[in-house]
Amino acid sequence: MRTPRLVATGAVAGLFALTLSACSGGSGGGSGAGTAADPVTLSFYNDKSGWTDSFKAENKTSVKRGMKLKVVQTPGTDASAYDSFVTQAFRTNEKPDLFTWHTGSQLGDLVKQNMVAETTDLWTEAESKGLVPKGLKDNYTYDGKQYCVPLNVSYWSVYYNKKIFSDNGLEPPKTFADMTHAAEVLKKAGVTPFFQMNTVFEFVWFQNMLAASDPDAYAGLATGKTKFTDPAVVEAAKQWMRMEHEGYFLDAGVRSDPQALLASGKVAMASMGSFFTGQLTALGKKPEKDFGEFAFPNVSPSAGKNQMILETGPLCVTKGAANEKAALDYSKWWLTDEAQKAWTANRGDVSFNPHVKVPDAGMAALVDATGKNEFRVQQRFQEMVPYSVYTRSKEVFGELVSKPPADPTPALEALQKEADAYWSKHK
């Protein structure tokens, strides 16, 4: 078993028509897709409560292919509560037909336990027809086979409030010096430069600072080659803490939604995935008019290309589910132009499907640049490191942003202790 590594390449051109058929990779339960007049209903567990309307809107398209989702509201919003809910369901007669999960070691654990249906043939066909960028399947590959399909991808950039920038004579930063200059100007104008949280995405600024300072050191955290106590890591964390002490960040205890804070101008910038576009447009904000995006600039000139953090979340079929075959049919359909055009229209977000145009012009430019190999693509920290390390980092980074120390070394030593425990058993 291996944790998959992400490689992104340019889009593959060409349109196609795809007919639904039974999917290989396991015998599966039940029959395949129904008809438009009598669609099969698939139970769908997910941890994305803010996406419920989008999932339901997708049914208007999928029902034409004989399938629709029954979106199951799972208890709570905490990730561990959701994970427990789903894994407990696997042991009952109420197994979900489809569910969202995580790439990395957590998906590997389900594969090892024989809980998810294989999708190798789906990936082979999708790659041959240009429905997914080459290399994306590495996130879904274990022992040479694929499991699940991508629910979504998110490109992580820095969103900014255009009015706030214009009012203060600022342009989107091209260098780290530009970005810190903008932060100084905004702070003097009484505007908080950057959003952050201490309960969700606590890792984002650590991720940004290290990847933009020493990309190889950042990538090495995925394999244990890099230690959290290595000089490059410590220096990146210290620079992050210096920015904290300069007053560039929102109080990490603020619980207001980041989209509301950015839209209102209470913060000028937020480092977020491309899903943030949909959250802003849901508030009536317009891309290019009210907000824009820029790539996080390199901290060190020796870093080479700017970094693009890319995350991907899976849509999985439960092995042995009552409607396993139909759920695999849905997974196959989900990869198509038809499904992804509808999804992009519903969500206002980017699609993994290279044929589907991004409605946000600023984000489209970043996606195109990524496809042209203008960035070095890196995995998001949450999926890249072992799960036990990520879990420990929530506490460590949450404390760092709540009470920023002058020296973050003790916190990094605590993380390295967790990493040592993991790698001692998995090397």
Protein backbone atom coordinates (compact mmCIF):
# COMPACT_ATOMS: atom_id res chain seq x y z
CA MET A 1 0.00 0.00 0.00
CA ARG A 2 1.25 3.47 -0.73
CA THR A 3 0.04 6.97 -0.12
CA PRO A 4 -0.60 8.49 -3.56
CA ARG A 5 1.39 11.45 -4.80
CA LEU A 6 -0.12 14.21 -6.90
CA VAL A 7 1.13 15.21 -10.31
CA ALA A 8 -0.76 17.75 -12.43
CA THR A 9 -0.30 18.27 -16.15
CA GLY A 10 -1.94 20.29 -18.87
CA ALA A 11 -5.47 19.71 -20.06
CA VAL A 12 -6.08 17.21 -22.81
CA ALA A 13 -8.25 18.67 -25.55
CA GLY A 14 -11.21 17.18 -27.34
CA LEU A 15 -14.91 16.67 -26.69
CA PHE A 16 -16.63 13.34 -26.60
CA ALA A 17 -19.92 11.59 -26.00
CA LEU A 18 -19.95 9.00 -23.23
CA THR A 19 -22.65 6.36 -22.82
CA LEU A 20 -23.25 4.77 -19.49
CA SER A 21 -22.49 1.11 -19.03
CA ALA A 22 -21.79 -1.26 -16.21
CA CYS A 23 -18.47 -0.56 -14.49
CA SER A 24 -15.80 -3.09 -13.69
CA GLY A 25 -13.76 -3.43 -10.54
CA GLY A 26 -16.03 -5.68 -8.50
CA SER A 27 -19.25 -7.58 -8.87
CA GLY A 28 -21.26 -5.07 -6.83
CA GLY A 29 -24.79 -5.16 -5.54
CA GLY A 30 -28.07 -4.30 -7.22
CA SER A 31 -28.57 -3.34 -10.84
CA GLY A 32 -27.21 -0.43 -12.83
CA ALA A 33 -28.75 2.93 -13.60
CA GLY A 34 -32.51 3.16 -14.04
CA THR A 35 -34.39 5.27 -16.57
CA ALA A 36 -35.40 8.92 -16.67
CA ALA A 37 -38.95 7.83 -15.84
CA ASP A 38 -37.82 5.47 -13.09
CA PRO A 39 -34.41 6.59 -11.78
CA VAL A 40 -32.52 4.67 -9.14
CA THR A 41 -32.05 6.60 -5.88
CA LEU A 42 -28.56 6.49 -4.40
CA SER A 43 -27.93 7.26 -0.76
CA PHE A 44 -25.13 9.81 -0.51
CA TYR A 45 -23.35 10.61 2.74
CA ASN A 46 -21.22 13.75 2.75
CA ASP A 47 -19.55 16.19 5.11
CA LYS A 48 -20.17 19.28 2.96
CA SER A 49 -23.31 20.79 4.41
CA GLY A 50 -22.86 24.01 2.46
CA TRP A 51 -23.03 22.07 -0.81
CA THR A 52 -26.39 20.39 -0.23
CA ASP A 53 -28.33 22.62 -2.64
CA SER A 54 -25.71 22.06 -5.33
CA PHE A 55 -25.90 18.29 -4.95
CA LYS A 56 -29.68 18.41 -5.18
CA ALA A 57 -29.52 20.69 -8.22
CA GLU A 58 -27.29 18.11 -9.90
CA ASN A 59 -30.20 15.66 -9.75
CA LYS A 60 -31.96 17.67 -12.48
CA THR A 61 -29.24 16.50 -14.85
CA SER A 62 -28.46 13.03 -13.51
CA VAL A 63 -32.10 11.96 -13.48
CA LYS A 64 -32.02 12.09 -17.28
CA ARG A 65 -29.48 9.27 -17.01
CA GLY A 66 -31.63 7.26 -14.63
CA MET A 67 -29.94 8.23 -11.34
CA LYS A 68 -30.46 10.68 -8.51
CA LEU A 69 -28.89 11.33 -5.15
CA LYS A 70 -30.59 11.13 -1.79
CA VAL A 71 -28.41 13.51 0.19
CA VAL A 72 -28.11 12.22 3.75
CA GLN A 73 -27.50 14.89 6.39
CA THR A 74 -24.84 13.52 8.71
CA PRO A 75 -24.57 14.66 12.33
CA GLY A 76 -22.28 17.53 13.25
CA THR A 77 -19.66 19.37 11.23
CA ASP A 78 -16.53 18.04 12.90
CA ALA A 79 -14.45 15.90 10.54
CA SER A 80 -13.86 13.13 13.09
CA ALA A 81 -17.59 12.92 13.85
CA TYR A 82 -18.36 12.47 10.16
CA ASP A 83 -15.63 9.86 9.73
CA SER A 84 -16.97 7.87 12.67
CA PHE A 85 -20.53 8.10 11.35
CA VAL A 86 -19.54 6.70 7.95
CA THR A 87 -17.28 3.93 9.20
CA GLN A 88 -19.96 2.79 11.63
CA ALA A 89 -22.46 2.69 8.75
CA PHE A 90 -20.18 0.24 6.93
CA ARG A 91 -20.95 -2.32 9.66
CA THR A 92 -24.72 -2.06 9.24
CA ASN A 93 -27.30 -2.86 6.58
CA GLU A 94 -27.56 0.88 5.87
CA LYS A 95 -24.28 1.23 3.99
CA PRO A 96 -24.18 4.39 1.88
CA ASP A 97 -24.14 3.84 -1.87
CA LEU A 98 -21.88 6.88 -2.28
CA PHE A 99 -19.93 8.95 0.22
CA THR A 100 -17.28 11.64 0.40
CA TRP A 101 -13.95 10.91 2.05
CA HIS A 102 -10.30 11.99 2.08
CA THR A 103 -7.37 11.14 -0.15
CA GLY A 104 -4.04 10.10 1.33
CA SER A 105 -3.63 7.58 4.13
CA GLN A 106 -7.29 7.72 5.17
CA LEU A 107 -8.46 6.45 1.78
CA GLY A 108 -5.68 3.89 1.90
CA ASP A 109 -7.07 2.58 5.19
CA LEU A 110 -10.50 1.96 3.61
CA VAL A 111 -8.90 0.23 0.64
CA LYS A 112 -6.92 -1.99 2.99
CA GLN A 113 -10.15 -2.93 4.78
CA ASN A 114 -11.88 -3.72 1.45
CA MET A 115 -14.54 -1.07 2.09
CA VAL A 116 -14.51 0.79 -1.26
CA ALA A 117 -15.22 -0.38 -4.80
CA GLU A 118 -12.43 -0.37 -7.36
CA THR A 119 -12.67 2.18 -10.19
CA THR A 120 -9.62 1.31 -12.30
CA ASP A 121 -11.58 0.97 -15.55
CA LEU A 122 -13.33 4.28 -14.96
CA TRP A 123 -9.99 6.05 -14.63
CA THR A 124 -8.53 4.32 -17.68
CA GLU A 125 -11.42 5.44 -19.87
CA ALA A 126 -11.56 8.93 -18.35
CA GLU A 127 -7.85 9.53 -18.97
CA SER A 128 -8.08 8.23 -22.53
CA LYS A 129 -10.87 10.72 -23.28
CA GLY A 130 -9.34 13.70 -21.50
CA LEU A 131 -11.90 13.88 -18.70
CA VAL A 132 -9.22 14.19 -16.02
CA PRO A 133 -5.73 15.69 -16.13
CA LYS A 134 -2.99 13.11 -16.30
CA GLY A 135 -1.50 12.39 -12.90
CA LEU A 136 -4.63 13.16 -10.88
CA LYS A 137 -5.29 9.45 -10.47
CA ASP A 138 -2.09 9.11 -8.42
CA ASN A 139 -4.16 10.42 -5.50
CA TYR A 140 -6.52 7.48 -5.95
CA THR A 141 -4.02 4.70 -6.66
CA TYR A 142 -3.14 1.88 -4.25
CA ASP A 143 -1.11 -1.16 -5.25
CA GLY A 144 -1.57 -0.19 -8.90
CA LYS A 145 -5.38 0.02 -8.79
CA GLN A 146 -7.72 3.01 -8.51
CA TYR A 147 -10.48 3.57 -5.97
CA CYS A 148 -13.15 6.31 -5.95
CA VAL A 149 -13.24 9.23 -8.40
CA PRO A 150 -12.55 12.93 -7.79
CA LEU A 151 -15.51 14.75 -6.31
CA ASN A 152 -13.69 18.02 -6.75
CA VAL A 153 -10.37 19.75 -7.00
CA SER A 154 -9.47 23.04 -5.39
CA TYR A 155 -6.66 25.35 -6.42
CA TRP A 156 -5.38 27.29 -3.40
CA SER A 157 -4.62 30.94 -4.05
CA VAL A 158 -5.10 34.25 -2.24
CA TYR A 159 -8.50 35.92 -2.66
CA TYR A 160 -8.62 39.67 -2.26
CA ASN A 161 -11.30 42.37 -1.95
CA LYS A 162 -10.99 44.53 -5.06
CA LYS A 163 -12.58 47.63 -3.57
CA ILE A 164 -10.26 47.57 -0.56
CA PHE A 165 -7.24 47.21 -2.83
CA SER A 166 -8.44 50.00 -5.14
CA ASP A 167 -9.25 52.34 -2.26
CA ASN A 168 -5.70 51.90 -0.95
CA GLY A 169 -3.91 52.12 -4.31
CA LEU A 170 -2.85 48.47 -4.28
CA GLU A 171 -2.37 45.93 -7.08
CA PRO A 172 -2.33 42.13 -6.67
CA PRO A 173 1.13 41.28 -5.27
CA LYS A 174 3.62 39.61 -7.58
CA THR A 175 6.36 39.17 -4.95
CA PHE A 176 6.42 38.46 -1.24
CA ALA A 177 7.79 41.97 -0.69
CA ASP A 178 4.74 43.31 -2.56
CA MET A 179 2.46 41.31 -0.30
CA THR A 180 4.03 42.47 2.96
CA HIS A 181 3.99 46.05 1.63
CA ALA A 182 0.26 45.68 0.95
CA ALA A 183 -0.21 44.33 4.47
CA GLU A 184 1.53 47.40 5.92
CA VAL A 185 -0.57 49.81 3.87
CA LEU A 186 -3.79 48.04 4.84
CA LYS A 187 -2.88 47.87 8.52
CA LYS A 188 -2.22 51.63 8.58
CA ALA A 189 -5.60 52.16 6.90
CA GLY A 190 -7.30 50.19 9.67
CA VAL A 191 -8.00 47.10 7.53
CA THR A 192 -6.93 43.64 8.69
CA PRO A 193 -4.73 42.26 5.89
CA PHE A 194 -5.16 38.46 6.25
CA PHE A 195 -7.82 36.01 7.39
CA GLN A 196 -6.96 32.93 9.42
CA MET A 197 -8.64 30.48 11.82
CA ASN A 198 -7.56 28.36 14.76
CA THR A 199 -10.10 25.57 14.33
CA VAL A 200 -10.20 24.97 10.56
CA PHE A 201 -7.34 25.29 8.05
CA GLU A 202 -4.89 26.06 10.85
CA PHE A 203 -2.11 24.69 8.64
CA VAL A 204 -2.63 27.00 5.67
CA TRP A 205 -0.09 29.69 6.47
CA PHE A 206 2.52 27.16 7.56
CA GLN A 207 1.92 25.37 4.25
CA ASN A 208 2.17 28.60 2.26
CA MET A 209 5.29 29.90 3.96
CA LEU A 210 7.26 26.65 3.76
CA ALA A 211 6.27 25.75 0.19
CA ALA A 212 7.10 29.29 -0.97
CA SER A 213 10.41 29.26 0.90
CA ASP A 214 11.73 25.76 0.22
CA PRO A 215 9.46 23.66 -2.02
CA ASP A 216 11.59 20.53 -1.70
CA ALA A 217 11.54 20.75 2.09
CA TYR A 218 7.75 21.07 1.99
CA ALA A 219 7.38 18.06 -0.32
CA GLY A 220 9.70 16.04 1.92
CA LEU A 221 7.15 16.16 4.76
CA ALA A 222 5.11 13.65 2.75
CA THR A 223 7.76 10.94 3.07
CA GLY A 224 9.54 11.83 6.30
CA LYS A 225 12.60 12.99 4.38
CA THR A 226 12.04 16.46 5.84
CA LYS A 227 11.77 16.89 9.59
CA PHE A 228 9.68 19.62 11.20
CA THR A 229 12.83 20.59 13.06
CA ASP A 230 14.94 21.09 9.92
CA PRO A 231 16.33 24.64 9.54
CA ALA A 232 14.21 25.45 6.47
CA VAL A 233 11.02 24.48 8.29
CA VAL A 234 11.91 26.36 11.45
CA GLU A 235 12.79 29.51 9.52
CA ALA A 236 9.53 29.43 7.55
CA ALA A 237 7.56 29.06 10.78
CA LYS A 238 9.53 31.90 12.40
CA GLN A 239 8.74 34.20 9.50
CA TRP A 240 5.08 33.27 9.84
CA MET A 241 5.24 34.17 13.55
CA ARG A 242 6.94 37.48 12.74
CA MET A 243 3.98 38.32 10.51
CA GLU A 244 1.67 37.40 13.38
CA HIS A 245 3.47 39.83 15.67
CA GLU A 246 3.31 42.55 13.01
CA GLY A 247 -0.48 42.39 13.33
CA TYR A 248 -1.16 41.21 9.80
CA PHE A 249 -3.71 38.55 10.77
CA LEU A 250 -7.28 38.51 11.97
CA ASP A 251 -7.79 37.38 15.55
CA ALA A 252 -7.85 33.61 15.09
CA GLY A 253 -10.75 33.25 17.53
CA VAL A 254 -13.20 35.17 15.33
CA ARG A 255 -15.98 32.83 14.23
CA SER A 256 -17.52 34.87 11.39
CA ASP A 257 -17.58 33.16 8.00
CA PRO A 258 -14.48 34.04 5.97
CA GLN A 259 -16.55 34.85 2.87
CA ALA A 260 -18.58 37.38 4.86
CA LEU A 261 -15.42 38.94 6.26
CA LEU A 262 -13.78 39.28 2.85
CA ALA A 263 -16.97 40.43 1.13
CA SER A 264 -17.53 43.16 3.73
CA GLY A 265 -13.90 44.31 3.66
CA LYS A 266 -13.23 43.42 7.29
CA VAL A 267 -10.29 41.45 5.93
CA ALA A 268 -8.58 42.25 2.65
CA MET A 269 -7.13 38.83 1.76
CA ALA A 270 -7.84 35.16 2.48
CA SER A 271 -5.79 32.15 1.42
CA MET A 272 -8.46 29.68 0.32
CA GLY A 273 -9.23 26.93 -2.15
CA SER A 274 -11.21 27.68 -5.30
CA PHE A 275 -14.38 26.49 -3.54
CA PHE A 276 -14.30 29.98 -2.00
CA THR A 277 -15.54 31.45 -5.28
CA GLY A 278 -18.89 29.72 -4.83
CA GLN A 279 -19.13 30.92 -1.24
CA LEU A 280 -18.55 34.52 -2.33
CA THR A 281 -20.93 34.38 -5.29
CA ALA A 282 -23.59 32.95 -2.95
CA LEU A 283 -23.37 36.31 -1.16
CA GLY A 284 -24.01 38.12 -4.43
CA LYS A 285 -20.37 39.04 -5.04
CA LYS A 286 -19.06 39.02 -8.60
CA PRO A 287 -15.69 37.66 -9.77
CA GLU A 288 -13.43 40.37 -11.22
CA LYS A 289 -15.78 43.08 -9.94
CA ASP A 290 -15.84 42.44 -6.20
CA PHE A 291 -13.02 39.97 -5.72
CA GLY A 292 -10.02 38.49 -7.48
CA GLU A 293 -7.26 35.94 -6.89
CA PHE A 294 -3.50 35.84 -7.10
CA ALA A 295 -0.95 33.07 -6.65
CA PHE A 296 0.86 33.05 -3.32
CA PRO A 297 4.24 34.61 -4.17
CA ASN A 298 7.57 32.96 -3.43
CA VAL A 299 9.15 33.96 -0.14
CA SER A 300 12.60 32.92 -1.37
CA PRO A 301 13.87 33.69 -4.90
CA SER A 302 15.59 30.28 -4.90
CA ALA A 303 12.18 28.57 -4.73
CA GLY A 304 11.93 28.72 -8.54
CA LYS A 305 8.39 28.62 -9.88
CA ASN A 306 5.61 29.85 -7.66
CA GLN A 307 3.78 27.06 -5.89
CA MET A 308 0.21 25.96 -6.54
CA ILE A 309 -1.35 23.96 -3.73
CA LEU A 310 -3.92 21.57 -5.16
CA GLU A 311 -6.33 19.45 -3.15
CA THR A 312 -8.71 16.81 -4.36
CA GLY A 313 -11.51 15.08 -2.51
CA PRO A 314 -12.98 11.69 -3.48
CA LEU A 315 -16.45 10.48 -4.31
CA CYS A 316 -16.47 6.83 -3.22
CA VAL A 317 -18.67 3.79 -3.75
CA THR A 318 -19.13 1.45 -0.80
CA LYS A 319 -18.19 -2.09 -1.69
CA GLY A 320 -21.21 -4.32 -1.13
CA ALA A 321 -23.70 -1.45 -1.02
CA ALA A 322 -27.27 -2.22 -2.07
CA ASN A 323 -26.84 -0.14 -5.25
CA GLU A 324 -23.13 -0.63 -5.86
CA LYS A 325 -23.45 -1.07 -9.64
CA ALA A 326 -25.65 2.00 -10.04
CA ALA A 327 -23.29 3.98 -7.79
CA LEU A 328 -20.42 3.01 -10.09
CA ASP A 329 -22.54 4.14 -13.04
CA TYR A 330 -23.02 7.45 -11.26
CA SER A 331 -19.28 7.73 -10.65
CA LYS A 332 -18.65 7.16 -14.35
CA TRP A 333 -21.23 9.78 -15.27
CA TRP A 334 -19.77 12.23 -12.71
CA LEU A 335 -16.55 12.39 -14.75
CA THR A 336 -18.34 13.44 -17.94
CA ASP A 337 -18.63 16.87 -19.54
CA GLU A 338 -22.39 16.82 -18.97
CA ALA A 339 -22.12 16.24 -15.23
CA GLN A 340 -19.24 18.65 -14.70
CA LYS A 341 -20.75 21.50 -16.73
CA ALA A 342 -23.89 21.21 -14.61
CA TRP A 343 -21.83 21.05 -11.42
CA THR A 344 -19.73 24.09 -12.32
CA ALA A 345 -22.90 26.03 -13.11
CA ASN A 346 -24.43 24.94 -9.80
CA ARG A 347 -21.38 25.62 -7.66
CA GLY A 348 -19.50 28.36 -9.51
CA ASP A 349 -16.36 26.36 -8.77
CA VAL A 350 -13.62 24.89 -10.92
CA SER A 351 -13.92 21.36 -12.28
CA PHE A 352 -11.27 18.67 -12.52
CA ASN A 353 -12.55 18.05 -16.07
CA PRO A 354 -10.28 20.03 -18.43
CA HIS A 355 -13.12 20.50 -20.94
CA VAL A 356 -15.20 22.54 -18.50
CA LYS A 357 -14.54 26.26 -18.46
CA VAL A 358 -14.18 28.08 -15.16
CA PRO A 359 -16.75 30.91 -14.80
CA ASP A 360 -14.39 32.98 -12.61
CA ALA A 361 -11.93 34.59 -15.04
CA GLY A 362 -9.28 35.21 -12.40
CA MET A 363 -9.34 31.61 -11.25
CA ALA A 364 -9.48 30.43 -14.86
CA ALA A 365 -6.18 32.20 -15.48
CA LEU A 366 -4.58 30.39 -12.54
CA VAL A 367 -5.99 27.05 -13.69
CA ASP A 368 -4.68 27.64 -17.21
CA ALA A 369 -1.26 28.63 -15.88
CA THR A 370 -1.19 25.46 -13.80
CA GLY A 371 -2.05 23.40 -16.88
CA LYS A 372 0.80 25.09 -18.75
CA ASN A 373 3.24 24.04 -16.05
CA GLU A 374 3.86 27.61 -14.89
CA PHE A 375 3.56 26.55 -11.24
CA ARG A 376 5.06 23.76 -9.24
CA VAL A 377 2.05 21.80 -8.03
CA GLN A 378 2.09 20.62 -4.43
CA GLN A 379 -0.39 18.61 -2.39
CA ARG A 380 -2.28 20.29 0.39
CA PHE A 381 -0.71 19.67 3.79
CA GLN A 382 -3.84 18.00 5.18
CA GLU A 383 -3.71 15.15 2.66
CA MET A 384 0.05 15.09 2.13
CA VAL A 385 1.26 14.21 5.64
CA PRO A 386 0.26 11.08 7.59
CA TYR A 387 -3.14 11.45 9.19
CA SER A 388 -1.78 11.18 12.73
CA VAL A 389 0.61 14.05 11.97
CA TYR A 390 -2.19 16.17 10.51
CA THR A 391 -4.38 15.47 13.55
CA ARG A 392 -1.58 16.56 15.90
CA SER A 393 -0.94 19.63 13.75
CA LYS A 394 -4.51 20.87 14.32
CA GLU A 395 -3.69 21.32 17.98
CA VAL A 396 -0.16 22.60 17.39
CA PHE A 397 -0.99 25.15 14.69
CA GLY A 398 -4.22 26.13 16.43
CA GLU A 399 -2.16 27.09 19.47
CA LEU A 400 0.40 28.94 17.33
CA VAL A 401 -2.17 31.21 15.73
CA SER A 402 -4.05 31.74 18.99
CA LYS A 403 -0.96 32.67 21.02
CA PRO A 404 1.89 33.31 18.56
CA PRO A 405 5.24 32.69 20.25
CA ALA A 406 8.49 34.39 19.33
CA ASP A 407 10.04 30.98 18.74
CA PRO A 408 7.86 28.20 17.27
CA THR A 409 10.58 25.55 17.67
CA PRO A 410 8.94 23.74 20.63
CA ALA A 411 5.72 23.40 18.65
CA LEU A 412 7.61 21.98 15.68
CA GLU A 413 9.44 19.56 17.98
CA ALA A 414 6.05 18.28 19.17
CA LEU A 415 5.01 17.69 15.56
CA GLN A 416 8.26 15.92 14.77
CA LYS A 417 7.73 13.59 17.72
CA GLU A 418 4.41 12.56 16.15
CA ALA A 419 6.05 12.17 12.73
CA ASP A 420 8.85 10.03 14.21
CA ALA A 421 6.26 7.72 15.80
CA TYR A 422 4.53 7.27 12.44
CA TRP A 423 7.60 6.81 10.25
CA SER A 424 9.21 4.36 12.68
CA LYS A 425 6.37 1.97 11.80
CA HIS A 426 5.96 2.79 8.11
CA LYS A 427 9.41 3.22 6.58
